[in-house]
Amino acid sequence: MITFTTINCNGDTIERTFNSIAAILKDYWDEEGTTLPSSDDPVLNYRLNGPSITPTNLSFGTFIQSLECQYWHDLVLD
């Protein structure tokens, strides 16, 4: 399960939860991110099947890129 919290341009805190990396990437790729935060929105914290992580200076776009790398890495190893 993937949970992340971002702040949008209005200063609102948004939390989203997905069942897998594939689910969030499918939403991002299929909908061009229209239901997801903007690529420059800061990620306040996230959880990938474990403890919550509070990053420093992580944008949502960079977060998506790291999820893509993890997705393809896991796909190759399976």
Protein backbone atom coordinates (compact mmCIF):
# COMPACT_ATOMS: atom_id res chain seq x y z
CA MET A 1 0.00 0.00 0.00
CA ILE A 2 1.22 3.48 -0.88
CA THR A 3 0.09 6.54 1.04
CA PHE A 4 1.39 10.03 0.41
CA THR A 5 0.56 13.52 1.67
CA THR A 6 1.11 16.66 -0.39
CA ILE A 7 0.27 20.36 -0.18
CA ASN A 8 -1.43 21.93 -3.19
CA CYS A 9 -1.09 25.51 -4.46
CA ASN A 10 -3.98 26.62 -2.20
CA GLY A 11 -2.13 25.37 0.88
CA ASP A 12 -4.50 22.41 1.36
CA THR A 13 -3.04 19.15 2.64
CA ILE A 14 -4.09 16.19 0.48
CA GLU A 15 -3.61 12.52 1.42
CA ARG A 16 -4.04 9.74 -1.13
CA THR A 17 -3.77 5.96 -0.77
CA PHE A 18 -3.21 3.36 -3.49
CA ASN A 19 -3.01 -0.43 -3.26
CA SER A 20 0.21 -0.73 -5.27
CA ILE A 21 2.85 1.15 -7.22
CA ALA A 22 1.16 -0.11 -10.40
CA ALA A 23 -2.15 1.48 -9.33
CA ILE A 24 -0.68 4.95 -8.79
CA LEU A 25 1.36 4.78 -11.99
CA LYS A 26 -1.67 3.60 -13.97
CA ASP A 27 -3.60 6.61 -12.69
CA TYR A 28 -0.68 8.88 -13.54
CA TRP A 29 -0.06 7.42 -17.02
CA ASP A 30 -3.70 6.88 -18.09
CA GLU A 31 -5.14 10.12 -16.80
CA GLU A 32 -2.01 12.22 -17.31
CA GLY A 33 -2.05 12.92 -13.60
CA THR A 34 -5.31 14.88 -13.65
CA THR A 35 -6.52 13.36 -10.36
CA LEU A 36 -3.06 13.49 -8.80
CA PRO A 37 -1.07 16.41 -7.39
CA SER A 38 0.92 18.70 -9.67
CA SER A 39 4.49 17.62 -10.32
CA ASP A 40 5.82 20.58 -8.33
CA ASP A 41 3.63 20.00 -5.24
CA PRO A 42 5.80 19.08 -2.24
CA VAL A 43 5.48 15.60 -0.74
CA LEU A 44 5.24 15.96 3.04
CA ASN A 45 5.45 12.24 3.79
CA TYR A 46 4.86 8.88 2.22
CA ARG A 47 4.60 5.23 3.14
CA LEU A 48 5.49 2.28 0.90
CA ASN A 49 4.43 -0.89 2.72
CA GLY A 50 6.33 0.18 5.80
CA PRO A 51 7.00 3.07 8.14
CA SER A 52 6.19 6.63 7.14
CA ILE A 53 9.04 8.61 5.57
CA THR A 54 9.33 12.38 5.80
CA PRO A 55 11.51 13.52 2.89
CA THR A 56 13.34 16.80 2.50
CA ASN A 57 12.55 18.83 -0.64
CA LEU A 58 10.74 16.06 -2.55
CA SER A 59 8.37 17.14 -5.29
CA PHE A 60 5.52 14.93 -6.48
CA GLY A 61 7.16 14.69 -9.92
CA THR A 62 10.36 13.32 -8.39
CA PHE A 63 8.30 10.97 -6.22
CA ILE A 64 6.57 9.58 -9.34
CA GLN A 65 9.95 9.12 -11.06
CA SER A 66 11.23 7.11 -8.09
CA LEU A 67 8.06 4.97 -8.13
CA GLU A 68 8.55 4.33 -11.86
CA CYS A 69 12.12 3.16 -11.21
CA GLN A 70 10.95 0.88 -8.41
CA TYR A 71 8.11 -0.50 -10.56
CA TRP A 72 10.37 -1.40 -13.50
CA HIS A 73 13.07 -2.76 -11.17
CA ASP A 74 10.54 -5.06 -9.48
CA LEU A 75 9.05 -6.09 -12.84
CA VAL A 76 12.46 -7.15 -14.18
CA LEU A 77 13.25 -9.15 -11.04
CA ASP A 78 9.93 -11.05 -11.06
